[in-house]
């Protein structure tokens, strides 16, 4: 399993963490606020889907899973079929 969402392809994002640094009263900063590198990780959910009549284990990001569940609830056809939803019907 690769480290990306099965549907949208979302992966980790790189950014910087910035501390809020205040200078002395009435003056400018003596030093810049320190910034450190950090990683924004994806909220993955491992689950089984049905594709071409076969079960397949995939990773979906939480946003894609939320979209599938909302489509099922609203009676629309979701972009993929969850194996757990097929079993209950």
PDB file of N, CA and C in Angstrom:
ATOM      1  N   UNK A   1       0.836  -1.182   0.000  1.00  0.00           N
ATOM      2  CA  UNK A   1       0.000   0.000   0.000  1.00  0.00           C
ATOM      3  C   UNK A   1       0.881   1.245   0.000  1.00  0.00           C
ATOM      4  N   UNK A   2       0.644   2.121  -0.931  1.00  0.00           N
ATOM      5  CA  UNK A   2       1.449   3.332  -0.942  1.00  0.00           C
ATOM      6  C   UNK A   2       0.895   4.346   0.054  1.00  0.00           C
ATOM      7  N   UNK A   3       1.655   5.373   0.319  1.00  0.00           N
ATOM      8  CA  UNK A   3       1.292   6.329   1.352  1.00  0.00           C
ATOM      9  C   UNK A   3       0.559   7.528   0.755  1.00  0.00           C
ATOM     10  N   UNK A   4      -0.516   7.257   0.024  1.00  0.00           N
ATOM     11  CA  UNK A   4      -1.340   8.314  -0.567  1.00  0.00           C
ATOM     12  C   UNK A   4      -2.786   7.844  -0.573  1.00  0.00           C
ATOM     13  N   UNK A   5      -3.714   8.780  -0.612  1.00  0.00           N
ATOM     14  CA  UNK A   5      -5.136   8.443  -0.645  1.00  0.00           C
ATOM     15  C   UNK A   5      -5.460   7.740  -1.969  1.00  0.00           C
ATOM     16  N   UNK A   6      -6.275   6.693  -1.890  1.00  0.00           N
ATOM     17  CA  UNK A   6      -6.617   5.908  -3.070  1.00  0.00           C
ATOM     18  C   UNK A   6      -7.388   6.742  -4.091  1.00  0.00           C
ATOM     19  N   UNK A   7      -8.250   7.636  -3.623  1.00  0.00           N
ATOM     20  CA  UNK A   7      -9.099   8.405  -4.537  1.00  0.00           C
ATOM     21  C   UNK A   7      -8.455   9.722  -4.986  1.00  0.00           C
ATOM     22  N   UNK A   8      -8.068  10.558  -4.033  1.00  0.00           N
ATOM     23  CA  UNK A   8      -7.596  11.907  -4.394  1.00  0.00           C
ATOM     24  C   UNK A   8      -6.077  12.014  -4.498  1.00  0.00           C
ATOM     25  N   UNK A   9      -5.339  11.028  -3.975  1.00  0.00           N
ATOM     26  CA  UNK A   9      -3.879  11.058  -4.076  1.00  0.00           C
ATOM     27  C   UNK A   9      -3.200  11.979  -3.081  1.00  0.00           C
ATOM     28  N   UNK A  10      -3.911  12.384  -2.043  1.00  0.00           N
ATOM     29  CA  UNK A  10      -3.349  13.302  -1.054  1.00  0.00           C
ATOM     30  C   UNK A  10      -2.212  12.620  -0.297  1.00  0.00           C
ATOM     31  N   UNK A  11      -1.089  13.330  -0.114  1.00  0.00           N
ATOM     32  CA  UNK A  11       0.059  12.814   0.627  1.00  0.00           C
ATOM     33  C   UNK A  11       0.469  13.849   1.674  1.00  0.00           C
ATOM     34  N   UNK A  12       1.619  13.619   2.314  1.00  0.00           N
ATOM     35  CA  UNK A  12       2.072  14.543   3.350  1.00  0.00           C
ATOM     36  C   UNK A  12       2.424  15.901   2.743  1.00  0.00           C
ATOM     37  N   UNK A  13       2.291  16.948   3.547  1.00  0.00           N
ATOM     38  CA  UNK A  13       2.693  18.298   3.159  1.00  0.00           C
ATOM     39  C   UNK A  13       3.789  18.758   4.107  1.00  0.00           C
ATOM     40  N   UNK A  14       4.734  19.507   3.588  1.00  0.00           N
ATOM     41  CA  UNK A  14       5.828  20.016   4.398  1.00  0.00           C
ATOM     42  C   UNK A  14       5.615  21.505   4.634  1.00  0.00           C
ATOM     43  N   UNK A  15       5.898  21.942   5.847  1.00  0.00           N
ATOM     44  CA  UNK A  15       5.733  23.347   6.165  1.00  0.00           C
ATOM     45  C   UNK A  15       6.651  23.733   7.306  1.00  0.00           C
ATOM     46  N   UNK A  16       6.318  24.869   7.941  1.00  0.00           N
ATOM     47  CA  UNK A  16       7.137  25.330   9.055  1.00  0.00           C
ATOM     48  C   UNK A  16       6.253  25.688  10.232  1.00  0.00           C
ATOM     49  N   UNK A  17       6.739  25.391  11.410  1.00  0.00           N
ATOM     50  CA  UNK A  17       6.077  25.747  12.652  1.00  0.00           C
ATOM     51  C   UNK A  17       6.668  27.083  13.097  1.00  0.00           C
ATOM     52  N   UNK A  18       5.816  28.019  13.432  1.00  0.00           N
ATOM     53  CA  UNK A  18       6.258  29.378  13.740  1.00  0.00           C
ATOM     54  C   UNK A  18       5.823  29.727  15.154  1.00  0.00           C
ATOM     55  N   UNK A  19       6.767  30.070  16.017  1.00  0.00           N
ATOM     56  CA  UNK A  19       6.399  30.476  17.371  1.00  0.00           C
ATOM     57  C   UNK A  19       6.047  31.961  17.361  1.00  0.00           C
ATOM     58  N   UNK A  20       5.182  32.360  18.254  1.00  0.00           N
ATOM     59  CA  UNK A  20       4.798  33.772  18.353  1.00  0.00           C
ATOM     60  C   UNK A  20       5.745  34.449  19.332  1.00  0.00           C
ATOM     61  N   UNK A  21       6.584  35.293  18.801  1.00  0.00           N
ATOM     62  CA  UNK A  21       7.640  35.907  19.580  1.00  0.00           C
ATOM     63  C   UNK A  21       7.383  37.407  19.640  1.00  0.00           C
ATOM     64  N   UNK A  22       7.326  37.937  20.828  1.00  0.00           N
ATOM     65  CA  UNK A  22       7.090  39.373  20.977  1.00  0.00           C
ATOM     66  C   UNK A  22       8.386  40.075  21.341  1.00  0.00           C
ATOM     67  N   UNK A  23       8.551  41.275  20.847  1.00  0.00           N
ATOM     68  CA  UNK A  23       9.729  42.065  21.174  1.00  0.00           C
ATOM     69  C   UNK A  23       9.511  42.822  22.478  1.00  0.00           C
ATOM     70  N   UNK A  24      10.468  43.607  22.864  1.00  0.00           N
ATOM     71  CA  UNK A  24      10.342  44.405  24.080  1.00  0.00           C
ATOM     72  C   UNK A  24       9.353  45.528  23.828  1.00  0.00           C
ATOM     73  N   UNK A  25       8.756  46.055  24.884  1.00  0.00           N
ATOM     74  CA  UNK A  25       7.718  47.076  24.755  1.00  0.00           C
ATOM     75  C   UNK A  25       8.280  48.315  24.070  1.00  0.00           C
ATOM     76  N   UNK A  26       7.624  48.722  22.988  1.00  0.00           N
ATOM     77  CA  UNK A  26       7.995  49.940  22.291  1.00  0.00           C
ATOM     78  C   UNK A  26       9.210  49.802  21.393  1.00  0.00           C
ATOM     79  N   UNK A  27       9.758  48.621  21.259  1.00  0.00           N
ATOM     80  CA  UNK A  27      10.944  48.461  20.424  1.00  0.00           C
ATOM     81  C   UNK A  27      10.743  47.368  19.383  1.00  0.00           C
ATOM     82  N   UNK A  28      11.746  47.215  18.531  1.00  0.00           N
ATOM     83  CA  UNK A  28      11.661  46.160  17.525  1.00  0.00           C
ATOM     84  C   UNK A  28      12.180  44.856  18.103  1.00  0.00           C
ATOM     85  N   UNK A  29      11.918  43.748  17.364  1.00  0.00           N
ATOM     86  CA  UNK A  29      12.402  42.449  17.818  1.00  0.00           C
ATOM     87  C   UNK A  29      13.918  42.443  17.837  1.00  0.00           C
ATOM     88  N   UNK A  30      14.451  41.885  18.878  1.00  0.00           N
ATOM     89  CA  UNK A  30      15.895  41.709  18.936  1.00  0.00           C
ATOM     90  C   UNK A  30      16.304  40.547  18.037  1.00  0.00           C
ATOM     91  N   UNK A  31      15.475  39.472  18.054  1.00  0.00           N
ATOM     92  CA  UNK A  31      15.733  38.302  17.213  1.00  0.00           C
ATOM     93  C   UNK A  31      14.441  37.949  16.499  1.00  0.00           C
ATOM     94  N   UNK A  32      14.562  37.310  15.377  1.00  0.00           N
ATOM     95  CA  UNK A  32      13.376  36.839  14.668  1.00  0.00           C
ATOM     96  C   UNK A  32      12.764  35.674  15.430  1.00  0.00           C
ATOM     97  N   UNK A  33      11.442  35.487  15.277  1.00  0.00           N
ATOM     98  CA  UNK A  33      10.790  34.337  15.899  1.00  0.00           C
ATOM     99  C   UNK A  33      11.295  33.065  15.235  1.00  0.00           C
ATOM    100  N   UNK A  34      11.689  32.051  16.005  1.00  0.00           N
ATOM    101  CA  UNK A  34      12.236  30.833  15.407  1.00  0.00           C
ATOM    102  C   UNK A  34      11.177  30.033  14.650  1.00  0.00           C
ATOM    103  N   UNK A  35      11.595  29.489  13.530  1.00  0.00           N
ATOM    104  CA  UNK A  35      10.717  28.650  12.714  1.00  0.00           C
ATOM    105  C   UNK A  35      11.396  27.298  12.562  1.00  0.00           C
ATOM    106  N   UNK A  36      10.625  26.230  12.753  1.00  0.00           N
ATOM    107  CA  UNK A  36      11.178  24.893  12.583  1.00  0.00           C
ATOM    108  C   UNK A  36      10.375  24.159  11.523  1.00  0.00           C
ATOM    109  N   UNK A  37      11.029  23.245  10.814  1.00  0.00           N
ATOM    110  CA  UNK A  37      10.357  22.473   9.773  1.00  0.00           C
ATOM    111  C   UNK A  37       9.435  21.449  10.424  1.00  0.00           C
ATOM    112  N   UNK A  38       8.309  21.151   9.784  1.00  0.00           N
ATOM    113  CA  UNK A  38       7.398  20.134  10.291  1.00  0.00           C
ATOM    114  C   UNK A  38       6.664  19.467   9.140  1.00  0.00           C
ATOM    115  N   UNK A  39       5.980  18.360   9.455  1.00  0.00           N
ATOM    116  CA  UNK A  39       5.243  17.595   8.459  1.00  0.00           C
ATOM    117  C   UNK A  39       3.765  17.595   8.832  1.00  0.00           C
ATOM    118  N   UNK A  40       2.916  17.900   7.853  1.00  0.00           N
ATOM    119  CA  UNK A  40       1.472  17.803   8.032  1.00  0.00           C
ATOM    120  C   UNK A  40       1.056  16.458   7.444  1.00  0.00           C
ATOM    121  N   UNK A  41       0.647  15.515   8.300  1.00  0.00           N
ATOM    122  CA  UNK A  41       0.310  14.169   7.848  1.00  0.00           C
ATOM    123  C   UNK A  41      -1.172  14.063   7.496  1.00  0.00           C
ATOM    124  N   UNK A  42      -1.482  13.122   6.614  1.00  0.00           N
ATOM    125  CA  UNK A  42      -2.854  12.890   6.163  1.00  0.00           C
ATOM    126  C   UNK A  42      -3.565  11.979   7.165  1.00  0.00           C
ATOM    127  N   UNK A  43      -4.846  12.221   7.390  1.00  0.00           N
ATOM    128  CA  UNK A  43      -5.655  11.391   8.278  1.00  0.00           C
ATOM    129  C   UNK A  43      -6.194  10.209   7.471  1.00  0.00           C
ATOM    130  N   UNK A  44      -5.412   9.118   7.412  1.00  0.00           N
ATOM    131  CA  UNK A  44      -5.792   7.951   6.626  1.00  0.00           C
ATOM    132  C   UNK A  44      -6.707   7.023   7.401  1.00  0.00           C
ATOM    133  N   UNK A  45      -7.616   6.359   6.663  1.00  0.00           N
ATOM    134  CA  UNK A  45      -8.465   5.310   7.209  1.00  0.00           C
ATOM    135  C   UNK A  45      -8.291   4.104   6.297  1.00  0.00           C
ATOM    136  N   UNK A  46      -7.915   2.960   6.872  1.00  0.00           N
ATOM    137  CA  UNK A  46      -7.770   1.737   6.070  1.00  0.00           C
ATOM    138  C   UNK A  46      -9.113   1.024   6.056  1.00  0.00           C
ATOM    139  N   UNK A  47      -9.584   0.687   4.872  1.00  0.00           N
ATOM    140  CA  UNK A  47     -10.857  -0.008   4.758  1.00  0.00           C
ATOM    141  C   UNK A  47     -10.908  -0.826   3.491  1.00  0.00           C
ATOM    142  N   UNK A  48     -11.957  -1.642   3.370  1.00  0.00           N
ATOM    143  CA  UNK A  48     -12.138  -2.485   2.195  1.00  0.00           C
ATOM    144  C   UNK A  48     -13.193  -1.871   1.296  1.00  0.00           C
ATOM    145  N   UNK A  49     -12.923  -1.910  -0.017  1.00  0.00           N
ATOM    146  CA  UNK A  49     -13.891  -1.449  -1.002  1.00  0.00           C
ATOM    147  C   UNK A  49     -14.165  -2.596  -1.971  1.00  0.00           C
ATOM    148  N   UNK A  50     -15.238  -2.464  -2.734  1.00  0.00           N
ATOM    149  CA  UNK A  50     -15.555  -3.450  -3.752  1.00  0.00           C
ATOM    150  C   UNK A  50     -15.275  -2.817  -5.096  1.00  0.00           C
ATOM    151  N   UNK A  51     -14.368  -3.444  -5.871  1.00  0.00           N
ATOM    152  CA  UNK A  51     -14.015  -2.930  -7.181  1.00  0.00           C
ATOM    153  C   UNK A  51     -14.026  -4.097  -8.169  1.00  0.00           C
ATOM    154  N   UNK A  52     -14.841  -3.995  -9.192  1.00  0.00           N
ATOM    155  CA  UNK A  52     -14.989  -5.045 -10.208  1.00  0.00           C
ATOM    156  C   UNK A  52     -15.395  -6.377  -9.577  1.00  0.00           C
ATOM    157  N   UNK A  53     -16.254  -6.312  -8.561  1.00  0.00           N
ATOM    158  CA  UNK A  53     -16.766  -7.518  -7.914  1.00  0.00           C
ATOM    159  C   UNK A  53     -15.824  -8.158  -6.914  1.00  0.00           C
ATOM    160  N   UNK A  54     -14.651  -7.555  -6.663  1.00  0.00           N
ATOM    161  CA  UNK A  54     -13.686  -8.109  -5.715  1.00  0.00           C
ATOM    162  C   UNK A  54     -13.404  -7.109  -4.603  1.00  0.00           C
ATOM    163  N   UNK A  55     -13.150  -7.653  -3.393  1.00  0.00           N
ATOM    164  CA  UNK A  55     -12.798  -6.789  -2.270  1.00  0.00           C
ATOM    165  C   UNK A  55     -11.341  -6.365  -2.393  1.00  0.00           C
ATOM    166  N   UNK A  56     -11.078  -5.123  -2.032  1.00  0.00           N
ATOM    167  CA  UNK A  56      -9.725  -4.579  -2.126  1.00  0.00           C
ATOM    168  C   UNK A  56      -9.492  -3.692  -0.906  1.00  0.00           C
ATOM    169  N   UNK A  57      -8.336  -3.869  -0.220  1.00  0.00           N
ATOM    170  CA  UNK A  57      -7.998  -3.036   0.933  1.00  0.00           C
ATOM    171  C   UNK A  57      -7.271  -1.785   0.442  1.00  0.00           C
ATOM    172  N   UNK A  58      -7.757  -0.602   0.846  1.00  0.00           N
ATOM    173  CA  UNK A  58      -7.156   0.656   0.415  1.00  0.00           C
ATOM    174  C   UNK A  58      -7.076   1.619   1.594  1.00  0.00           C
ATOM    175  N   UNK A  59      -6.322   2.704   1.384  1.00  0.00           N
ATOM    176  CA  UNK A  59      -6.271   3.809   2.331  1.00  0.00           C
ATOM    177  C   UNK A  59      -7.046   4.970   1.722  1.00  0.00           C
ATOM    178  N   UNK A  60      -7.986   5.510   2.469  1.00  0.00           N
ATOM    179  CA  UNK A  60      -8.715   6.709   2.045  1.00  0.00           C
ATOM    180  C   UNK A  60      -8.446   7.797   3.060  1.00  0.00           C
ATOM    181  N   UNK A  61      -8.356   9.039   2.609  1.00  0.00           N
ATOM    182  CA  UNK A  61      -8.252  10.135   3.566  1.00  0.00           C
ATOM    183  C   UNK A  61      -9.641  10.346   4.175  1.00  0.00           C
ATOM    184  N   UNK A  62      -9.683  10.971   5.334  1.00  0.00           N
ATOM    185  CA  UNK A  62     -10.944  11.151   6.051  1.00  0.00           C
ATOM    186  C   UNK A  62     -11.941  11.981   5.240  1.00  0.00           C
ATOM    187  N   UNK A  63     -11.450  12.929   4.429  1.00  0.00           N
ATOM    188  CA  UNK A  63     -12.355  13.759   3.622  1.00  0.00           C
ATOM    189  C   UNK A  63     -13.070  12.929   2.568  1.00  0.00           C
ATOM    190  N   UNK A  64     -12.363  12.020   1.907  1.00  0.00           N
ATOM    191  CA  UNK A  64     -12.980  11.168   0.884  1.00  0.00           C
ATOM    192  C   UNK A  64     -13.983  10.208   1.515  1.00  0.00           C
ATOM    193  N   UNK A  65     -13.643   9.645   2.677  1.00  0.00           N
ATOM    194  CA  UNK A  65     -14.558   8.745   3.372  1.00  0.00           C
ATOM    195  C   UNK A  65     -15.821   9.493   3.789  1.00  0.00           C
ATOM    196  N   UNK A  66     -15.662  10.710   4.258  1.00  0.00           N
ATOM    197  CA  UNK A  66     -16.804  11.538   4.652  1.00  0.00           C
ATOM    198  C   UNK A  66     -17.706  11.796   3.447  1.00  0.00           C
ATOM    199  N   UNK A  67     -17.115  12.047   2.280  1.00  0.00           N
ATOM    200  CA  UNK A  67     -17.880  12.288   1.047  1.00  0.00           C
ATOM    201  C   UNK A  67     -18.673  11.038   0.642  1.00  0.00           C
ATOM    202  N   UNK A  68     -18.043   9.863   0.756  1.00  0.00           N
ATOM    203  CA  UNK A  68     -18.721   8.604   0.408  1.00  0.00           C
ATOM    204  C   UNK A  68     -19.908   8.384   1.342  1.00  0.00           C
ATOM    205  N   UNK A  69     -19.688   8.555   2.641  1.00  0.00           N
ATOM    206  CA  UNK A  69     -20.769   8.340   3.612  1.00  0.00           C
ATOM    207  C   UNK A  69     -21.906   9.321   3.411  1.00  0.00           C
ATOM    208  N   UNK A  70     -21.594  10.558   3.065  1.00  0.00           N
ATOM    209  CA  UNK A  70     -22.636  11.556   2.831  1.00  0.00           C
ATOM    210  C   UNK A  70     -23.438  11.220   1.574  1.00  0.00           C
ATOM    211  N   UNK A  71     -22.746  10.768   0.515  1.00  0.00           N
ATOM    212  CA  UNK A  71     -23.449  10.371  -0.714  1.00  0.00           C
ATOM    213  C   UNK A  71     -24.394   9.209  -0.448  1.00  0.00           C
ATOM    214  N   UNK A  72     -23.957   8.223   0.338  1.00  0.00           N
ATOM    215  CA  UNK A  72     -24.808   7.083   0.670  1.00  0.00           C
ATOM    216  C   UNK A  72     -26.027   7.550   1.459  1.00  0.00           C
ATOM    217  N   UNK A  73     -25.792   8.451   2.418  1.00  0.00           N
ATOM    218  CA  UNK A  73     -26.884   8.961   3.253  1.00  0.00           C
ATOM    219  C   UNK A  73     -27.901   9.750   2.421  1.00  0.00           C
ATOM    220  N   UNK A  74     -27.423  10.525   1.445  1.00  0.00           N
ATOM    221  CA  UNK A  74     -28.304  11.350   0.610  1.00  0.00           C
ATOM    222  C   UNK A  74     -28.955  10.576  -0.530  1.00  0.00           C
ATOM    223  N   UNK A  75     -28.582   9.308  -0.701  1.00  0.00           N
ATOM    224  CA  UNK A  75     -29.171   8.486  -1.760  1.00  0.00           C
ATOM    225  C   UNK A  75     -28.515   8.650  -3.113  1.00  0.00           C
ATOM    226  N   UNK A  76     -27.348   9.310  -3.166  1.00  0.00           N
ATOM    227  CA  UNK A  76     -26.614   9.469  -4.423  1.00  0.00           C
ATOM    228  C   UNK A  76     -25.674   8.283  -4.607  1.00  0.00           C
ATOM    229  N   UNK A  77     -25.180   8.099  -5.824  1.00  0.00           N
ATOM    230  CA  UNK A  77     -24.232   7.019  -6.093  1.00  0.00           C
ATOM    231  C   UNK A  77     -22.826   7.511  -5.738  1.00  0.00           C
ATOM    232  N   UNK A  78     -22.165   6.887  -4.734  1.00  0.00           N
ATOM    233  CA  UNK A  78     -20.815   7.327  -4.359  1.00  0.00           C
ATOM    234  C   UNK A  78     -19.785   6.920  -5.407  1.00  0.00           C
ATOM    235  N   UNK A  79     -18.614   7.571  -5.368  1.00  0.00           N
ATOM    236  CA  UNK A  79     -17.572   7.290  -6.361  1.00  0.00           C
ATOM    237  C   UNK A  79     -16.899   5.947  -6.139  1.00  0.00           C
ATOM    238  N   UNK A  80     -17.081   5.304  -4.978  1.00  0.00           N
ATOM    239  CA  UNK A  80     -16.633   3.933  -4.769  1.00  0.00           C
ATOM    240  C   UNK A  80     -17.558   3.254  -3.764  1.00  0.00           C
ATOM    241  N   UNK A  81     -17.553   1.929  -3.765  1.00  0.00           N
ATOM    242  CA  UNK A  81     -18.460   1.157  -2.919  1.00  0.00           C
ATOM    243  C   UNK A  81     -17.703   0.570  -1.748  1.00  0.00           C
ATOM    244  N   UNK A  82     -18.148   0.851  -0.538  1.00  0.00           N
ATOM    245  CA  UNK A  82     -17.530   0.293   0.651  1.00  0.00           C
ATOM    246  C   UNK A  82     -17.974  -1.148   0.836  1.00  0.00           C
ATOM    247  N   UNK A  83     -17.053  -2.021   1.221  1.00  0.00           N
ATOM    248  CA  UNK A  83     -17.381  -3.438   1.412  1.00  0.00           C
ATOM    249  C   UNK A  83     -18.346  -3.611   2.589  1.00  0.00           C
ATOM    250  N   UNK A  84     -18.216  -2.796   3.632  1.00  0.00           N
ATOM    251  CA  UNK A  84     -19.092  -2.890   4.792  1.00  0.00           C
ATOM    252  C   UNK A  84     -20.520  -2.503   4.415  1.00  0.00           C
ATOM    253  N   UNK A  85     -20.682  -1.557   3.490  1.00  0.00           N
ATOM    254  CA  UNK A  85     -22.019  -1.135   3.052  1.00  0.00           C
ATOM    255  C   UNK A  85     -22.698  -2.215   2.234  1.00  0.00           C
ATOM    256  N   UNK A  86     -21.917  -2.975   1.456  1.00  0.00           N
ATOM    257  CA  UNK A  86     -22.473  -4.048   0.626  1.00  0.00           C
ATOM    258  C   UNK A  86     -22.946  -5.190   1.512  1.00  0.00           C
ATOM    259  N   UNK A  87     -22.182  -5.486   2.596  1.00  0.00           N
ATOM    260  CA  UNK A  87     -22.510  -6.582   3.472  1.00  0.00           C
ATOM    261  C   UNK A  87     -23.833  -6.343   4.204  1.00  0.00           C
ATOM    262  N   UNK A  88     -24.107  -5.095   4.609  1.00  0.00           N
ATOM    263  CA  UNK A  88     -25.300  -4.780   5.385  1.00  0.00           C
ATOM    264  C   UNK A  88     -26.560  -4.726   4.518  1.00  0.00           C
ATOM    265  N   UNK A  89     -26.413  -4.486   3.220  1.00  0.00           N
ATOM    266  CA  UNK A  89     -27.597  -4.369   2.366  1.00  0.00           C
ATOM    267  C   UNK A  89     -28.136  -5.708   1.944  1.00  0.00           C
TER     268      UNK A  89
END
